[in-house]
Amino acid sequence: MRTKLTILAVIAALSTGAGAASAQSNQGAMKGMDHSAMPGMKGAKGDHNMMAMNDYMAAMKKMDQAMMSAKGSTPDATFARKMMAHHQGAIDMAQIQLRHGADADAKKIAQKTIDENTKGKAELEAWLKAHGG
C-alpha cells in the first residue's frame, strides 16, 4: 500500500512538473498577448496577481518543508517546533497580503494574523527554552 502511494505521489509530482515546464516554455510566446479579457488578468494587475501567487506558493513550500523537517527530543518539543514553522508560514503569507493586497479589511486581518502568530511563535520558543526541547 505504501509503495502504491509513493508511486502515485511521484507520478503526480512529475506530471505537475511537466505542466509547469510546459507553461514556462510558452511564456515567451505569450509575452506580447493581451490578457485583459481573461478573468483575473487585467494587464499589469494580472502581472501583480501572478507575483502574489508566486510569493504565496514559495511561502507555502517553505512552510511545508520547515514543518516536515521540524523535530524535537520529545513529542511535545516536536509539536512546538512544527507549530513554530506553521506560525512563521502564516506570518509570511500575511506579509504577502500586506504587500500585494488591495482590500483594507483583508489587510487588517493580515496584520492581526501577523500579531497573533508572532505571539504564538514566541510562546512556543519560550516553552522550548524552558523545557530544553
N, C-alpha and C. Protein backbone atom coordinates (compact mmCIF):
# COMPACT_ATOMS: atom_id res chain seq x y z
N MET A 1 0.83 -1.20 0.00
CA MET A 1 0.00 0.00 0.00
C MET A 1 0.87 1.26 0.00
N ARG A 2 1.90 1.25 0.86
CA ARG A 2 2.78 2.41 0.96
C ARG A 2 3.51 2.64 -0.37
N THR A 3 3.90 1.52 -1.03
CA THR A 3 4.58 1.63 -2.32
C THR A 3 3.66 2.25 -3.36
N LYS A 4 2.38 1.84 -3.35
CA LYS A 4 1.41 2.42 -4.29
C LYS A 4 1.28 3.92 -4.08
N LEU A 5 1.19 4.33 -2.82
CA LEU A 5 1.06 5.76 -2.52
C LEU A 5 2.30 6.52 -2.96
N THR A 6 3.46 5.94 -2.75
CA THR A 6 4.70 6.59 -3.17
C THR A 6 4.74 6.74 -4.68
N ILE A 7 4.36 5.68 -5.39
CA ILE A 7 4.35 5.73 -6.85
C ILE A 7 3.37 6.78 -7.34
N LEU A 8 2.17 6.82 -6.74
CA LEU A 8 1.18 7.83 -7.13
C LEU A 8 1.69 9.24 -6.86
N ALA A 9 2.37 9.42 -5.74
CA ALA A 9 2.91 10.75 -5.41
C ALA A 9 3.97 11.16 -6.42
N VAL A 10 4.83 10.22 -6.83
CA VAL A 10 5.87 10.52 -7.81
C VAL A 10 5.24 10.87 -9.16
N ILE A 11 4.23 10.10 -9.56
CA ILE A 11 3.55 10.38 -10.82
C ILE A 11 2.91 11.76 -10.79
N ALA A 12 2.25 12.08 -9.69
CA ALA A 12 1.61 13.40 -9.57
C ALA A 12 2.65 14.51 -9.62
N ALA A 13 3.76 14.32 -8.93
CA ALA A 13 4.81 15.35 -8.93
C ALA A 13 5.41 15.53 -10.31
N LEU A 14 5.64 14.42 -11.00
CA LEU A 14 6.22 14.52 -12.34
C LEU A 14 5.26 15.18 -13.32
N SER A 15 3.99 14.82 -13.22
CA SER A 15 3.03 15.43 -14.16
C SER A 15 2.85 16.90 -13.86
N THR A 16 2.90 17.29 -12.60
CA THR A 16 2.81 18.70 -12.24
C THR A 16 4.04 19.45 -12.74
N GLY A 17 5.20 18.85 -12.57
CA GLY A 17 6.44 19.47 -13.04
C GLY A 17 6.46 19.62 -14.54
N ALA A 18 5.94 18.62 -15.26
CA ALA A 18 5.90 18.71 -16.72
C ALA A 18 4.99 19.83 -17.16
N GLY A 19 3.86 19.98 -16.46
CA GLY A 19 2.94 21.07 -16.80
C GLY A 19 3.55 22.42 -16.55
N ALA A 20 4.29 22.53 -15.45
CA ALA A 20 4.94 23.81 -15.12
C ALA A 20 6.02 24.13 -16.15
N ALA A 21 6.79 23.11 -16.54
CA ALA A 21 7.84 23.34 -17.53
C ALA A 21 7.23 23.75 -18.87
N SER A 22 6.13 23.11 -19.22
CA SER A 22 5.45 23.46 -20.47
C SER A 22 4.93 24.89 -20.42
N ALA A 23 4.35 25.25 -19.29
CA ALA A 23 3.83 26.62 -19.14
C ALA A 23 4.96 27.63 -19.21
N GLN A 24 6.10 27.32 -18.58
CA GLN A 24 7.22 28.25 -18.62
C GLN A 24 7.77 28.39 -20.03
N SER A 25 7.81 27.29 -20.78
CA SER A 25 8.35 27.39 -22.13
C SER A 25 7.43 28.18 -23.04
N ASN A 26 6.16 28.25 -22.71
CA ASN A 26 5.21 29.00 -23.53
C ASN A 26 5.10 30.46 -23.12
N GLN A 27 5.68 30.85 -22.00
CA GLN A 27 5.55 32.22 -21.54
C GLN A 27 6.15 33.21 -22.51
N GLY A 28 7.24 32.86 -23.14
CA GLY A 28 7.86 33.76 -24.11
C GLY A 28 6.92 34.04 -25.27
N ALA A 29 6.23 33.01 -25.74
CA ALA A 29 5.30 33.17 -26.86
C ALA A 29 4.09 34.00 -26.45
N MET A 30 3.73 33.96 -25.16
CA MET A 30 2.54 34.65 -24.69
C MET A 30 2.84 36.06 -24.21
N LYS A 31 4.10 36.44 -24.17
CA LYS A 31 4.50 37.71 -23.57
C LYS A 31 3.79 38.91 -24.20
N GLY A 32 3.65 38.93 -25.51
CA GLY A 32 3.05 40.08 -26.18
C GLY A 32 1.54 40.02 -26.28
N MET A 33 0.93 38.95 -25.78
CA MET A 33 -0.52 38.79 -25.90
C MET A 33 -1.25 39.71 -24.94
N ASP A 34 -2.46 40.09 -25.33
CA ASP A 34 -3.33 40.90 -24.48
C ASP A 34 -4.15 39.95 -23.61
N HIS A 35 -3.88 39.93 -22.32
CA HIS A 35 -4.58 39.05 -21.40
C HIS A 35 -5.72 39.76 -20.67
N SER A 36 -6.03 40.97 -21.06
CA SER A 36 -7.01 41.75 -20.31
C SER A 36 -8.41 41.15 -20.35
N ALA A 37 -8.71 40.32 -21.35
CA ALA A 37 -10.04 39.71 -21.43
C ALA A 37 -10.14 38.46 -20.56
N MET A 38 -9.02 37.96 -20.09
CA MET A 38 -9.03 36.76 -19.27
C MET A 38 -9.37 37.13 -17.83
N PRO A 39 -10.20 36.31 -17.15
CA PRO A 39 -10.55 36.61 -15.76
C PRO A 39 -9.30 36.70 -14.89
N GLY A 40 -9.21 37.75 -14.10
CA GLY A 40 -8.09 37.93 -13.19
C GLY A 40 -6.80 38.36 -13.86
N MET A 41 -6.83 38.66 -15.15
CA MET A 41 -5.62 39.02 -15.87
C MET A 41 -5.80 40.37 -16.55
N LYS A 42 -5.93 41.40 -15.80
CA LYS A 42 -6.16 42.75 -16.32
C LYS A 42 -4.84 43.48 -16.49
N GLY A 43 -4.11 43.19 -17.54
CA GLY A 43 -2.86 43.89 -17.83
C GLY A 43 -1.86 43.80 -16.69
N ALA A 44 -1.40 44.95 -16.21
CA ALA A 44 -0.40 44.99 -15.14
C ALA A 44 -0.95 44.37 -13.86
N LYS A 45 -2.26 44.48 -13.65
CA LYS A 45 -2.86 43.88 -12.47
C LYS A 45 -2.69 42.36 -12.51
N GLY A 46 -2.81 41.79 -13.71
CA GLY A 46 -2.59 40.36 -13.86
C GLY A 46 -1.17 39.97 -13.49
N ASP A 47 -0.21 40.78 -13.90
CA ASP A 47 1.19 40.53 -13.54
C ASP A 47 1.36 40.60 -12.02
N HIS A 48 0.69 41.57 -11.39
CA HIS A 48 0.76 41.72 -9.94
C HIS A 48 0.13 40.50 -9.26
N ASN A 49 -1.02 40.04 -9.79
CA ASN A 49 -1.66 38.85 -9.23
C ASN A 49 -0.75 37.64 -9.34
N MET A 50 -0.06 37.51 -10.46
CA MET A 50 0.85 36.38 -10.66
C MET A 50 2.02 36.47 -9.69
N MET A 51 2.54 37.66 -9.46
CA MET A 51 3.64 37.82 -8.49
C MET A 51 3.17 37.39 -7.10
N ALA A 52 1.96 37.80 -6.73
CA ALA A 52 1.43 37.43 -5.42
C ALA A 52 1.28 35.92 -5.32
N MET A 53 0.73 35.30 -6.36
CA MET A 53 0.56 33.84 -6.34
C MET A 53 1.91 33.14 -6.23
N ASN A 54 2.90 33.62 -6.95
CA ASN A 54 4.24 33.03 -6.86
C ASN A 54 4.79 33.17 -5.45
N ASP A 55 4.58 34.34 -4.84
CA ASP A 55 5.04 34.56 -3.46
C ASP A 55 4.33 33.62 -2.49
N TYR A 56 3.00 33.45 -2.66
CA TYR A 56 2.25 32.53 -1.80
C TYR A 56 2.75 31.10 -1.95
N MET A 57 2.97 30.68 -3.18
CA MET A 57 3.45 29.32 -3.41
C MET A 57 4.81 29.09 -2.76
N ALA A 58 5.70 30.07 -2.89
CA ALA A 58 7.03 29.95 -2.27
C ALA A 58 6.92 29.90 -0.75
N ALA A 59 6.05 30.73 -0.18
CA ALA A 59 5.88 30.75 1.27
C ALA A 59 5.32 29.43 1.78
N MET A 60 4.34 28.88 1.06
CA MET A 60 3.75 27.61 1.48
C MET A 60 4.76 26.47 1.36
N LYS A 61 5.55 26.48 0.30
CA LYS A 61 6.58 25.45 0.14
C LYS A 61 7.60 25.53 1.27
N LYS A 62 8.02 26.75 1.60
CA LYS A 62 8.98 26.95 2.69
C LYS A 62 8.39 26.44 4.01
N MET A 63 7.11 26.77 4.27
CA MET A 63 6.46 26.33 5.50
C MET A 63 6.35 24.81 5.54
N ASP A 64 5.90 24.21 4.43
CA ASP A 64 5.75 22.76 4.39
C ASP A 64 7.08 22.06 4.66
N GLN A 65 8.15 22.54 4.04
CA GLN A 65 9.47 21.94 4.25
C GLN A 65 9.92 22.10 5.70
N ALA A 66 9.69 23.27 6.27
CA ALA A 66 10.09 23.52 7.66
C ALA A 66 9.28 22.64 8.62
N MET A 67 7.99 22.49 8.36
CA MET A 67 7.16 21.66 9.22
C MET A 67 7.56 20.19 9.12
N MET A 68 7.83 19.73 7.91
CA MET A 68 8.20 18.33 7.72
C MET A 68 9.54 17.99 8.36
N SER A 69 10.46 18.92 8.38
CA SER A 69 11.79 18.64 8.93
C SER A 69 11.91 18.97 10.41
N ALA A 70 10.93 19.65 10.99
CA ALA A 70 10.99 20.04 12.40
C ALA A 70 10.87 18.81 13.30
N LYS A 71 11.85 18.66 14.17
CA LYS A 71 11.86 17.53 15.10
C LYS A 71 12.37 18.02 16.45
N GLY A 72 11.87 17.38 17.49
CA GLY A 72 12.33 17.69 18.83
C GLY A 72 12.73 16.42 19.55
N SER A 73 13.20 16.57 20.77
CA SER A 73 13.65 15.42 21.55
C SER A 73 12.48 14.65 22.17
N THR A 74 11.30 15.25 22.18
CA THR A 74 10.09 14.61 22.70
C THR A 74 8.93 14.96 21.76
N PRO A 75 7.81 14.24 21.88
CA PRO A 75 6.64 14.62 21.08
C PRO A 75 6.20 16.06 21.35
N ASP A 76 6.35 16.51 22.59
CA ASP A 76 5.98 17.89 22.94
C ASP A 76 6.86 18.89 22.20
N ALA A 77 8.16 18.63 22.20
CA ALA A 77 9.10 19.53 21.53
C ALA A 77 8.90 19.49 20.02
N THR A 78 8.60 18.30 19.48
CA THR A 78 8.33 18.20 18.04
C THR A 78 7.10 19.02 17.69
N PHE A 79 6.05 18.91 18.51
CA PHE A 79 4.85 19.72 18.29
C PHE A 79 5.19 21.20 18.28
N ALA A 80 5.96 21.63 19.27
CA ALA A 80 6.31 23.06 19.37
C ALA A 80 7.08 23.52 18.14
N ARG A 81 8.04 22.72 17.70
CA ARG A 81 8.85 23.11 16.54
C ARG A 81 8.02 23.14 15.25
N LYS A 82 7.14 22.17 15.09
CA LYS A 82 6.29 22.15 13.90
C LYS A 82 5.31 23.33 13.92
N MET A 83 4.78 23.64 15.08
CA MET A 83 3.86 24.77 15.18
C MET A 83 4.57 26.10 14.97
N MET A 84 5.82 26.19 15.40
CA MET A 84 6.59 27.41 15.14
C MET A 84 6.75 27.62 13.63
N ALA A 85 7.02 26.53 12.91
CA ALA A 85 7.13 26.63 11.45
C ALA A 85 5.78 27.02 10.84
N HIS A 86 4.72 26.47 11.39
CA HIS A 86 3.37 26.80 10.92
C HIS A 86 3.06 28.29 11.15
N HIS A 87 3.37 28.77 12.35
CA HIS A 87 3.15 30.19 12.65
C HIS A 87 3.97 31.08 11.73
N GLN A 88 5.23 30.71 11.47
CA GLN A 88 6.07 31.51 10.57
C GLN A 88 5.47 31.52 9.17
N GLY A 89 4.93 30.39 8.74
CA GLY A 89 4.27 30.35 7.43
C GLY A 89 3.09 31.29 7.36
N ALA A 90 2.30 31.33 8.43
CA ALA A 90 1.16 32.25 8.47
C ALA A 90 1.64 33.70 8.43
N ILE A 91 2.71 33.99 9.15
CA ILE A 91 3.28 35.35 9.15
C ILE A 91 3.74 35.72 7.74
N ASP A 92 4.46 34.80 7.10
CA ASP A 92 4.97 35.06 5.75
C ASP A 92 3.82 35.32 4.76
N MET A 93 2.76 34.50 4.84
CA MET A 93 1.63 34.69 3.92
C MET A 93 0.89 35.99 4.21
N ALA A 94 0.77 36.35 5.48
CA ALA A 94 0.10 37.61 5.82
C ALA A 94 0.93 38.81 5.32
N GLN A 95 2.24 38.70 5.38
CA GLN A 95 3.09 39.77 4.85
C GLN A 95 2.92 39.91 3.34
N ILE A 96 2.72 38.80 2.66
CA ILE A 96 2.45 38.85 1.22
C ILE A 96 1.14 39.59 0.97
N GLN A 97 0.13 39.31 1.79
CA GLN A 97 -1.15 40.01 1.66
C GLN A 97 -0.96 41.51 1.85
N LEU A 98 -0.17 41.89 2.83
CA LEU A 98 0.07 43.32 3.06
C LEU A 98 0.78 43.97 1.87
N ARG A 99 1.70 43.25 1.24
CA ARG A 99 2.42 43.79 0.08
C ARG A 99 1.56 43.85 -1.17
N HIS A 100 0.76 42.84 -1.41
CA HIS A 100 0.06 42.73 -2.69
C HIS A 100 -1.43 43.00 -2.61
N GLY A 101 -2.02 42.89 -1.45
CA GLY A 101 -3.47 43.03 -1.32
C GLY A 101 -3.95 44.46 -1.46
N ALA A 102 -5.22 44.59 -1.82
CA ALA A 102 -5.81 45.91 -2.00
C ALA A 102 -6.95 46.18 -1.01
N ASP A 103 -7.59 45.13 -0.52
CA ASP A 103 -8.75 45.28 0.34
C ASP A 103 -8.32 45.65 1.77
N ALA A 104 -8.87 46.74 2.28
CA ALA A 104 -8.48 47.22 3.61
C ALA A 104 -8.82 46.22 4.71
N ASP A 105 -9.99 45.56 4.60
CA ASP A 105 -10.37 44.58 5.62
C ASP A 105 -9.44 43.37 5.60
N ALA A 106 -9.09 42.91 4.40
CA ALA A 106 -8.17 41.78 4.29
C ALA A 106 -6.81 42.15 4.86
N LYS A 107 -6.39 43.39 4.65
CA LYS A 107 -5.11 43.83 5.20
C LYS A 107 -5.16 43.89 6.73
N LYS A 108 -6.30 44.29 7.30
CA LYS A 108 -6.44 44.29 8.76
C LYS A 108 -6.34 42.87 9.31
N ILE A 109 -6.98 41.94 8.61
CA ILE A 109 -6.91 40.54 9.03
C ILE A 109 -5.47 40.03 8.92
N ALA A 110 -4.78 40.42 7.86
CA ALA A 110 -3.39 40.01 7.68
C ALA A 110 -2.53 40.54 8.83
N GLN A 111 -2.72 41.78 9.21
CA GLN A 111 -1.93 42.34 10.31
C GLN A 111 -2.25 41.64 11.62
N LYS A 112 -3.54 41.33 11.83
CA LYS A 112 -3.94 40.59 13.03
C LYS A 112 -3.29 39.20 13.03
N THR A 113 -3.24 38.58 11.86
CA THR A 113 -2.61 37.27 11.72
C THR A 113 -1.13 37.35 12.09
N ILE A 114 -0.46 38.39 11.62
CA ILE A 114 0.96 38.57 11.96
C ILE A 114 1.13 38.74 13.47
N ASP A 115 0.31 39.60 14.06
CA ASP A 115 0.42 39.86 15.50
C ASP A 115 0.18 38.59 16.32
N GLU A 116 -0.89 37.86 16.01
CA GLU A 116 -1.24 36.67 16.78
C GLU A 116 -0.22 35.55 16.59
N ASN A 117 0.25 35.37 15.37
CA ASN A 117 1.20 34.29 15.12
C ASN A 117 2.59 34.61 15.63
N THR A 118 2.95 35.89 15.66
CA THR A 118 4.22 36.29 16.27
C THR A 118 4.19 35.97 17.76
N LYS A 119 3.06 36.26 18.40
CA LYS A 119 2.89 35.95 19.82
C LYS A 119 2.92 34.44 20.05
N GLY A 120 2.19 33.70 19.23
CA GLY A 120 2.16 32.24 19.37
C GLY A 120 3.53 31.61 19.18
N LYS A 121 4.27 32.11 18.21
CA LYS A 121 5.61 31.59 17.95
C LYS A 121 6.53 31.90 19.13
N ALA A 122 6.43 33.10 19.70
CA ALA A 122 7.25 33.48 20.86
C ALA A 122 6.93 32.60 22.07
N GLU A 123 5.65 32.28 22.26
CA GLU A 123 5.25 31.41 23.38
C GLU A 123 5.88 30.02 23.23
N LEU A 124 5.86 29.50 22.01
CA LEU A 124 6.45 28.19 21.75
C LEU A 124 7.96 28.22 21.94
N GLU A 125 8.60 29.29 21.48
CA GLU A 125 10.05 29.43 21.67
C GLU A 125 10.40 29.47 23.16
N ALA A 126 9.60 30.20 23.94
CA ALA A 126 9.84 30.28 25.38
C ALA A 126 9.64 28.91 26.03
N TRP A 127 8.61 28.20 25.60
CA TRP A 127 8.36 26.86 26.14
C TRP A 127 9.54 25.94 25.83
N LEU A 128 10.02 25.98 24.59
CA LEU A 128 11.16 25.14 24.22
C LEU A 128 12.40 25.47 25.06
N LYS A 129 12.63 26.75 25.26
CA LYS A 129 13.79 27.18 26.04
C LYS A 129 13.67 26.68 27.48
N ALA A 130 12.47 26.76 28.04
CA ALA A 130 12.25 26.34 29.42
C ALA A 130 12.30 24.82 29.59
N HIS A 131 11.96 24.09 28.52
CA HIS A 131 11.87 22.64 28.61
C HIS A 131 13.00 21.91 27.88
N GLY A 132 13.94 22.66 27.36
CA GLY A 132 15.10 22.05 26.72
C GLY A 132 14.79 21.20 25.50
N GLY A 133 13.77 21.56 24.79
CA GLY A 133 13.37 20.73 23.64
C GLY A 133 13.92 21.20 22.37
